[in-house]
Protein backbone atom coordinates (compact mmCIF):
# COMPACT_ATOMS: atom_id res chain seq x y z
CA MET A 1 23.98 -20.57 37.77
CA LEU A 2 27.37 -21.65 36.34
CA LEU A 3 27.63 -24.25 33.77
CA PRO A 4 30.90 -23.66 32.02
CA ASP A 5 30.86 -27.12 30.20
CA LEU A 6 27.73 -26.17 28.22
CA SER A 7 27.53 -24.24 25.00
CA SER A 8 27.70 -20.26 25.23
CA ILE A 9 27.49 -17.46 22.82
CA HIS A 10 31.31 -17.44 22.78
CA ASP A 11 31.35 -21.04 21.65
CA LEU A 12 28.98 -20.13 18.53
CA GLN A 13 30.73 -16.96 17.52
CA PRO A 14 33.02 -18.69 15.14
CA LEU A 15 30.21 -19.81 12.89
CA ALA A 16 28.55 -16.08 12.74
CA ASP A 17 29.93 -15.27 9.19
CA ASP A 18 28.95 -18.64 7.77
CA MET A 19 25.39 -18.38 9.37
CA ARG A 20 25.17 -14.64 7.91
CA ARG A 21 26.07 -15.88 4.42
CA LEU A 22 23.75 -18.77 4.60
CA ARG A 23 21.04 -16.41 5.67
CA TYR A 24 21.67 -13.95 2.84
CA THR A 25 21.70 -16.91 0.13
CA LEU A 26 18.20 -17.89 1.70
CA HIS A 27 16.99 -14.32 1.66
CA CYS A 28 17.81 -13.99 -1.93
CA CYS A 29 15.95 -16.99 -3.10
CA PRO A 30 12.71 -16.94 -0.97
CA GLU A 31 10.19 -19.82 -1.68
CA LEU A 32 6.58 -20.01 -0.94
CA ALA A 33 4.50 -22.55 0.95
CA PHE A 34 5.21 -26.17 -0.23
CA GLU A 35 7.57 -24.88 -2.82
CA GLU A 36 10.65 -24.84 -0.60
CA VAL A 37 12.62 -27.04 -2.90
CA GLN A 38 16.02 -25.24 -3.11
CA THR A 39 15.81 -24.44 0.47
CA ALA A 40 15.31 -27.94 1.39
CA GLU A 41 18.21 -29.13 -0.71
CA ILE A 42 20.38 -26.69 0.97
CA VAL A 43 19.34 -27.67 4.47
CA ALA A 44 19.44 -31.36 3.75
CA SER A 45 23.08 -31.07 2.09
CA ARG A 46 24.20 -29.04 5.22
CA LEU A 47 22.90 -31.70 7.60
CA LYS A 48 24.48 -34.48 5.83
CA GLU A 49 27.73 -32.69 5.64
CA TYR A 50 27.62 -32.32 9.59
CA GLY A 51 26.94 -35.93 9.96
CA TYR A 52 23.34 -36.16 10.66
CA SER A 53 21.09 -38.96 9.43
CA VAL A 54 18.68 -37.02 6.94
CA ALA A 55 15.10 -37.72 5.99
CA THR A 56 13.51 -35.49 3.11
CA GLY A 57 10.12 -35.17 1.38
CA ILE A 58 8.20 -34.94 4.46
CA ALA A 59 4.92 -32.91 3.94
CA GLY A 60 6.48 -32.32 0.47
CA THR A 61 9.45 -30.30 1.23
CA GLY A 62 10.12 -30.88 4.83
CA VAL A 63 13.50 -32.05 6.19
CA VAL A 64 14.39 -33.96 9.50
CA GLY A 65 18.09 -34.31 10.62
CA THR A 66 18.79 -36.70 13.52
CA LEU A 67 21.99 -36.82 15.56
CA ARG A 68 22.41 -39.62 18.24
CA ARG A 69 24.97 -39.67 21.03
CA GLY A 70 25.59 -41.72 23.86
CA SER A 71 23.03 -44.32 25.35
CA SER A 72 20.12 -42.28 26.63
CA GLU A 73 16.68 -42.89 25.33
CA ARG A 74 15.59 -39.23 25.66
CA ARG A 75 14.81 -37.30 22.49
CA ILE A 76 14.45 -33.72 21.76
CA GLY A 77 12.86 -32.01 18.51
CA ILE A 78 13.63 -28.56 17.51
CA ARG A 79 11.64 -26.95 14.62
CA ALA A 80 12.58 -23.97 12.11
CA ASP A 81 10.14 -22.76 9.42
CA MET A 82 11.53 -22.33 6.04
CA ASP A 83 8.85 -20.66 3.73
CA ALA A 84 8.53 -17.08 2.48
CA LEU A 85 5.76 -14.71 1.75
CA PRO A 86 4.13 -13.43 -1.50
CA ILE A 87 5.28 -9.90 -0.88
CA ASP A 88 7.38 -7.64 -3.16
CA GLU A 89 10.41 -6.53 -1.42
CA ARG A 90 11.45 -2.93 -1.17
CA ASN A 91 14.72 -3.07 0.45
CA THR A 92 17.84 -2.05 -1.32
CA PHE A 93 20.51 -4.13 0.36
CA GLY A 94 22.63 -6.63 -1.50
CA HIS A 95 20.89 -9.65 -0.27
CA LYS A 96 17.40 -8.54 -1.10
CA SER A 97 15.05 -11.03 -3.00
CA LEU A 98 15.93 -11.96 -6.59
CA HIS A 99 12.19 -13.04 -7.33
CA PRO A 100 9.60 -10.30 -7.53
CA GLY A 101 6.45 -11.14 -5.43
CA ARG A 102 8.52 -13.50 -2.92
CA MET A 103 10.11 -12.34 0.14
CA HIS A 104 11.31 -13.62 3.53
CA ALA A 105 9.23 -11.03 5.29
CA CYS A 106 8.82 -12.93 8.42
CA GLY A 107 12.21 -14.11 9.23
CA HIS A 108 12.17 -17.79 8.32
CA ASP A 109 15.46 -17.48 6.62
CA GLY A 110 17.17 -16.43 10.19
CA HIS A 111 15.38 -19.14 11.82
CA THR A 112 16.55 -21.86 9.39
CA ALA A 113 20.14 -20.38 9.47
CA MET A 114 20.08 -20.26 13.45
CA LEU A 115 19.19 -24.00 13.56
CA LEU A 116 21.65 -24.98 11.06
CA GLY A 117 24.41 -23.14 12.92
CA ALA A 118 23.30 -25.00 15.94
CA ALA A 119 23.24 -28.22 14.02
CA ARG A 120 26.93 -27.79 12.96
CA HIS A 121 28.15 -26.88 16.57
CA LEU A 122 26.18 -29.72 18.17
CA ALA A 123 27.71 -32.29 15.49
CA GLN A 124 31.13 -30.79 16.25
CA ARG A 125 31.27 -30.00 19.93
CA GLY A 126 28.01 -30.64 21.48
CA ARG A 127 27.96 -32.27 25.03
CA PHE A 128 24.89 -34.39 25.12
CA ASP A 129 23.48 -37.92 25.59
CA GLY A 130 20.33 -38.79 23.54
CA THR A 131 18.84 -38.09 20.39
CA VAL A 132 18.31 -34.76 18.54
CA HIS A 133 15.78 -34.31 15.87
CA LEU A 134 16.02 -31.05 13.94
CA ILE A 135 12.92 -30.39 12.27
CA PHE A 136 12.84 -27.95 9.04
CA GLN A 137 9.26 -27.34 8.25
CA PRO A 138 7.51 -26.01 5.00
CA ALA A 139 4.55 -23.92 4.72
CA GLU A 140 4.12 -22.14 8.08
CA GLU A 141 2.52 -19.09 6.43
CA ARG A 142 -0.10 -20.84 4.60
CA GLY A 143 -2.81 -20.22 7.06
CA PHE A 144 -4.68 -23.53 6.93
CA ASP A 145 -3.68 -27.24 5.89
CA SER A 146 -0.06 -25.95 6.70
CA GLY A 147 3.25 -27.66 7.02
CA ALA A 148 3.29 -28.40 10.61
CA LYS A 149 -0.34 -30.06 10.33
CA ARG A 150 0.86 -32.09 7.28
CA MET A 151 4.08 -33.26 9.00
CA VAL A 152 2.28 -34.38 12.22
CA GLU A 153 -0.51 -36.23 10.09
CA GLN A 154 2.24 -37.81 7.91
CA GLY A 155 3.86 -39.50 11.23
CA LEU A 156 6.31 -36.98 12.23
CA PHE A 157 6.59 -37.93 15.80
CA THR A 158 6.04 -41.72 14.89
CA ARG A 159 9.05 -41.65 12.76
CA PHE A 160 10.92 -39.31 14.76
CA PRO A 161 9.63 -39.74 18.44
CA CYS A 162 10.39 -36.87 20.74
CA ASP A 163 9.86 -36.36 24.57
CA ALA A 164 9.58 -32.50 23.82
CA VAL A 165 9.67 -30.15 20.84
CA PHE A 166 10.54 -26.42 20.82
CA ALA A 167 10.49 -23.61 18.18
CA MET A 168 11.52 -19.94 18.02
CA HIS A 169 10.29 -16.74 16.26
CA ASN A 170 11.81 -13.39 16.04
CA HIS A 171 9.84 -10.55 17.65
CA PRO A 172 10.37 -6.99 15.99
CA GLY A 173 9.98 -4.32 18.68
CA ALA A 174 12.04 -6.03 21.59
CA PRO A 175 15.84 -5.65 21.78
CA ALA A 176 17.79 -7.98 19.79
CA GLY A 177 18.99 -11.00 21.75
CA THR A 178 16.37 -10.85 24.29
CA PHE A 179 13.96 -13.88 24.87
CA MET A 180 10.27 -13.89 25.73
CA PHE A 181 8.15 -16.65 27.01
CA ARG A 182 4.69 -17.61 28.12
CA LYS A 183 3.47 -20.65 29.98
CA GLY A 184 0.10 -21.88 28.78
CA HIS A 185 -1.88 -20.16 26.02
CA PHE A 186 0.59 -18.01 24.18
CA MET A 187 -0.68 -17.32 20.60
CA ALA A 188 -4.32 -17.32 19.42
CA ALA A 189 -6.23 -19.77 17.09
CA GLY A 190 -6.67 -18.25 13.83
CA ASP A 191 -9.83 -18.82 11.46
CA ARG A 192 -10.67 -17.32 7.94
CA VAL A 193 -13.98 -16.69 6.57
CA PHE A 194 -14.67 -16.25 2.99
CA VAL A 195 -18.23 -14.54 2.17
CA LYS A 196 -20.09 -14.08 -1.17
CA VAL A 197 -22.93 -11.72 -1.04
CA ILE A 198 -24.95 -12.57 -4.23
CA GLY A 199 -27.41 -10.10 -5.48
CA LYS A 200 -28.59 -8.73 -8.99
CA GLY A 201 -26.44 -6.42 -10.96
CA GLY A 202 -27.72 -3.60 -12.96
CA HIS A 203 -27.50 0.22 -14.00
CA ALA A 204 -26.45 2.62 -11.24
CA ALA A 205 -29.30 5.02 -12.47
CA ARG A 206 -31.78 2.19 -12.12
CA PRO A 207 -30.92 0.51 -8.75
CA HIS A 208 -34.75 -0.46 -8.32
CA LEU A 209 -34.22 -2.98 -11.21
CA ALA A 210 -31.13 -4.61 -9.52
CA ASN A 211 -30.48 -5.88 -5.76
CA ASP A 212 -27.22 -4.12 -4.66
CA PRO A 213 -24.97 -6.56 -2.79
CA ILE A 214 -22.63 -3.57 -1.95
CA VAL A 215 -25.18 -2.01 0.38
CA ALA A 216 -25.73 -5.50 2.02
CA ALA A 217 -21.95 -5.94 2.21
CA GLY A 218 -21.73 -2.60 4.24
CA SER A 219 -24.58 -3.56 6.54
CA ILE A 220 -22.56 -7.03 7.15
CA VAL A 221 -19.33 -5.18 7.89
CA MET A 222 -21.14 -2.96 10.57
CA ALA A 223 -23.06 -5.89 11.98
CA LEU A 224 -19.82 -8.01 12.68
CA GLN A 225 -18.49 -5.17 14.70
CA THR A 226 -20.98 -6.26 17.40
CA VAL A 227 -19.68 -9.88 17.61
CA VAL A 228 -16.76 -9.28 20.02
CA SER A 229 -18.22 -6.13 21.73
CA ARG A 230 -21.51 -7.76 22.44
CA ASN A 231 -21.11 -11.48 22.28
CA VAL A 232 -17.77 -12.23 23.82
CA ASP A 233 -17.27 -12.15 27.64
CA PRO A 234 -15.19 -8.83 28.13
CA THR A 235 -12.78 -11.07 30.27
CA GLN A 236 -12.13 -13.15 27.12
CA SER A 237 -9.82 -12.11 24.08
CA ALA A 238 -11.20 -12.23 20.43
CA VAL A 239 -10.63 -10.25 17.19
CA VAL A 240 -12.80 -10.21 14.07
CA THR A 241 -11.22 -8.21 11.19
CA ILE A 242 -12.59 -7.73 7.84
CA GLY A 243 -9.44 -7.39 5.75
CA LYS A 244 -10.78 -7.44 2.18
CA ILE A 245 -13.78 -6.27 0.29
CA ALA A 246 -13.94 -6.80 -3.50
CA GLY A 247 -17.05 -6.14 -5.65
CA GLY A 248 -17.77 -3.71 -8.70
CA SER A 249 -15.66 -2.47 -11.59
CA ALA A 250 -17.24 1.01 -12.37
CA PRO A 251 -19.17 3.58 -10.63
CA ASN A 252 -22.13 3.41 -12.84
CA VAL A 253 -22.46 -0.36 -12.52
CA ILE A 254 -24.12 -2.18 -9.64
CA PRO A 255 -22.36 -5.58 -9.51
CA GLY A 256 -23.87 -8.90 -9.23
CA GLU A 257 -21.97 -9.97 -6.17
CA VAL A 258 -19.47 -8.84 -3.44
CA GLU A 259 -16.75 -10.78 -1.64
CA LEU A 260 -15.67 -10.30 1.94
CA SER A 261 -12.60 -12.09 3.64
CA ILE A 262 -12.51 -12.10 7.43
CA SER A 263 -10.03 -13.07 10.01
CA VAL A 264 -11.00 -14.33 13.43
CA ARG A 265 -8.74 -14.85 16.40
CA SER A 266 -9.49 -16.35 19.84
CA PHE A 267 -8.00 -18.21 22.64
CA ASP A 268 -10.90 -20.09 24.17
CA ALA A 269 -12.44 -23.22 22.48
CA ASP A 270 -16.04 -22.14 23.57
CA VAL A 271 -15.34 -18.47 22.33
CA ARG A 272 -14.09 -19.88 18.98
CA ARG A 273 -17.20 -22.07 18.45
CA MET A 274 -19.57 -18.90 19.33
CA LEU A 275 -17.68 -16.67 17.03
CA LYS A 276 -18.41 -19.28 14.23
CA GLU A 277 -21.89 -19.45 15.13
CA ARG A 278 -22.65 -15.65 15.24
CA ILE A 279 -20.41 -14.71 12.28
CA THR A 280 -22.29 -17.31 9.97
CA ALA A 281 -25.65 -16.31 11.58
CA LEU A 282 -25.13 -12.45 11.06
CA VAL A 283 -23.91 -12.78 7.64
CA HIS A 284 -26.99 -14.69 6.51
CA ALA A 285 -29.46 -12.56 8.32
CA GLN A 286 -28.12 -9.40 6.77
CA ALA A 287 -28.05 -10.86 3.38
CA ASP A 288 -31.60 -12.07 3.86
CA SER A 289 -32.76 -8.68 4.93
CA TYR A 290 -31.90 -7.11 1.80
CA GLY A 291 -33.44 -10.03 -0.27
CA LEU A 292 -30.02 -11.44 -1.06
CA ARG A 293 -28.12 -14.56 -0.65
CA ALA A 294 -24.84 -15.29 1.14
CA VAL A 295 -22.52 -18.12 0.72
CA VAL A 296 -20.28 -18.57 3.75
CA ASP A 297 -16.88 -20.60 3.72
CA TYR A 298 -15.69 -20.81 7.23
CA VAL A 299 -12.07 -22.18 7.31
CA GLU A 300 -10.80 -23.14 10.56
CA GLY A 301 -6.97 -22.66 10.72
CA TYR A 302 -4.43 -23.01 13.33
CA PRO A 303 -5.14 -23.97 16.93
CA VAL A 304 -4.08 -22.04 20.07
CA VAL A 305 -0.23 -22.34 20.87
CA THR A 306 -0.14 -23.87 24.26
CA ASN A 307 3.32 -24.16 26.00
CA ALA A 308 3.76 -26.86 28.76
CA GLU A 309 4.84 -25.78 31.96
CA ALA A 310 8.03 -27.91 32.53
CA GLU A 311 9.39 -27.33 28.97
CA THR A 312 8.79 -23.62 29.10
CA GLU A 313 10.44 -23.41 32.50
CA LEU A 314 13.62 -25.43 31.24
CA ALA A 315 13.68 -22.85 28.14
CA ILE A 316 13.58 -20.01 30.53
CA GLU A 317 16.28 -21.13 32.75
CA VAL A 318 18.60 -21.75 29.43
CA ALA A 319 17.75 -18.21 28.30
CA LYS A 320 18.75 -16.89 31.61
CA GLU A 321 22.04 -18.85 31.79
CA LEU A 322 22.73 -17.52 28.07
CA VAL A 323 22.05 -13.88 28.28
CA GLY A 324 21.10 -12.98 31.91
CA GLU A 325 17.89 -12.70 33.92
CA ALA A 326 17.49 -9.01 32.84
CA ARG A 327 17.16 -10.00 29.16
CA VAL A 328 14.50 -12.73 29.67
CA THR A 329 10.81 -12.14 29.92
CA GLU A 330 9.22 -15.21 31.62
CA GLN A 331 5.53 -14.51 31.15
CA MET A 332 5.00 -11.93 28.36
CA ALA A 333 1.30 -10.98 27.21
CA PRO A 334 -0.39 -13.31 25.09
CA LEU A 335 -0.29 -12.64 21.33
CA MET A 336 -3.23 -12.53 18.84
CA GLY A 337 -1.10 -13.78 15.93
CA SER A 338 -1.24 -17.39 15.09
CA GLU A 339 1.29 -19.93 14.51
CA ASP A 340 1.13 -23.53 13.16
CA PHE A 341 3.58 -24.88 15.58
CA ALA A 342 0.45 -25.28 17.61
CA TYR A 343 -0.16 -28.57 15.83
CA MET A 344 3.18 -29.99 16.89
CA LEU A 345 2.45 -28.94 20.48
CA GLN A 346 -1.00 -30.80 20.30
CA ALA A 347 1.09 -33.96 19.57
CA CYS A 348 4.04 -33.38 21.69
CA PRO A 349 4.73 -31.34 24.86
CA GLY A 350 7.11 -28.30 24.44
CA ALA A 351 7.53 -24.63 24.17
CA PHE A 352 7.23 -21.76 21.64
CA LEU A 353 9.42 -18.87 22.36
CA ARG A 354 10.25 -15.49 20.78
CA ILE A 355 13.49 -13.68 20.44
CA GLY A 356 13.68 -9.86 20.10
CA ASN A 357 14.66 -8.54 16.47
CA GLY A 358 15.20 -4.94 17.42
CA PRO A 359 13.54 -1.76 16.69
CA THR A 360 10.79 -1.44 14.20
CA ASP A 361 11.91 1.76 12.73
CA GLY A 362 11.44 2.28 9.07
CA GLY A 363 8.72 -0.33 8.74
CA ASN A 364 10.95 -3.37 10.01
CA THR A 365 7.91 -5.22 11.18
CA LEU A 366 6.74 -8.79 10.29
CA HIS A 367 5.15 -9.17 6.94
CA SER A 368 6.45 -5.80 5.79
CA ALA A 369 7.91 -5.24 2.56
CA THR A 370 10.98 -3.44 4.29
CA TYR A 371 11.45 -6.18 7.02
CA ASP A 372 14.82 -8.01 7.45
CA PHE A 373 15.98 -10.33 10.10
CA ASN A 374 18.40 -9.12 12.62
CA ASP A 375 21.80 -10.84 12.13
CA GLU A 376 22.74 -10.28 15.78
CA ASN A 377 20.37 -13.08 16.67
CA LEU A 378 22.08 -15.64 14.59
CA VAL A 379 24.71 -16.51 17.05
CA VAL A 380 22.52 -15.90 20.23
CA GLY A 381 19.75 -18.08 18.66
CA SER A 382 21.98 -20.86 17.76
CA ALA A 383 23.70 -20.91 21.12
CA PHE A 384 20.21 -21.04 22.86
CA TRP A 385 19.49 -24.13 20.81
CA ALA A 386 22.73 -25.82 21.31
CA ARG A 387 22.59 -25.08 25.07
CA LEU A 388 18.97 -26.31 25.33
CA VAL A 389 19.88 -29.70 23.78
CA GLU A 390 22.56 -30.03 26.12
CA ARG A 391 20.32 -29.20 29.16
CA TYR A 392 17.60 -31.44 27.97
CA LEU A 393 19.89 -34.38 27.20
CA PRO A 394 22.60 -34.10 29.94
CA VAL A 395 25.70 -36.21 30.10
CA ALA A 396 25.88 -38.19 33.14
């Protein structure tokens, strides 16, 4: 399909250097969940400079830029996440983090730069009829009570009504500039479980006078391995991972308690409920069998990312127009990772998509201390956003 009057990669190329400099600025000064003050100021300042109506302070540090053109009542929302992760960066390039213990290890600096590039182009040359809401969201990485959840609860789509909403995330391991989609369930629900196994501490040489929570914790770890293999229908997907065990301070001391942290992923609502029931019951039963007590804090996190059929199909068409059919995957396998854009998709139909970030050589994977966003994506990603707006809000 030839649509020469719509935005192309060539049209966005003049903004490449500016987007790269902006990303480096953001990468140098990463900010954690709900602390994105400087990032939000940069975003708001740029949007105002481009001629957008700007609202700030949404969910604390969230920013929304609005641009209206023509007479159509159709409205589109596009979201970029802004927060970084509590990771010590190990890269040595010039734009590495200036703040120990904070790093853009998931590419949100690139997501923000791409959307601001599209914002500038749309304001200067965009051919559309309707309203564009650009949503810059805090705290995607929080895992619970996140930025998307708070923005929706604080009336995001009441203040800035959208007929459809879209978001994009980079995907290490796929070639840069390629696009990946999936209609329906795309990314898993993610829950977290915090367990305390409470026993009685004592001397390692006299274990009969103590009640050892480490032994009980080991039994709990092994019992939890049966939840997916023996309680989940083999045709369904689920993951239960014990990511942390903490207890004890010396080899000759039996501690009084042990803590476990567990990650739980699923796609089906019934499976999700069952996982909660079985994990909670198993933890208590195992602790009780050793004469100990367990405290379980089961924190329900992000829901399943579910893409709408029509909006995903449109996004696929735009990607094919932009980079060619061979560089587009229409129905990739579901991902067990979680994403809080799911809250926005619960409130408004839309689509979440992935853009390839290149090889994972040298540990260039998400949440790695050596990760970096691929600058090749800046022009391609911003061109996708600009063209999507023009396709969703066509000029008569």
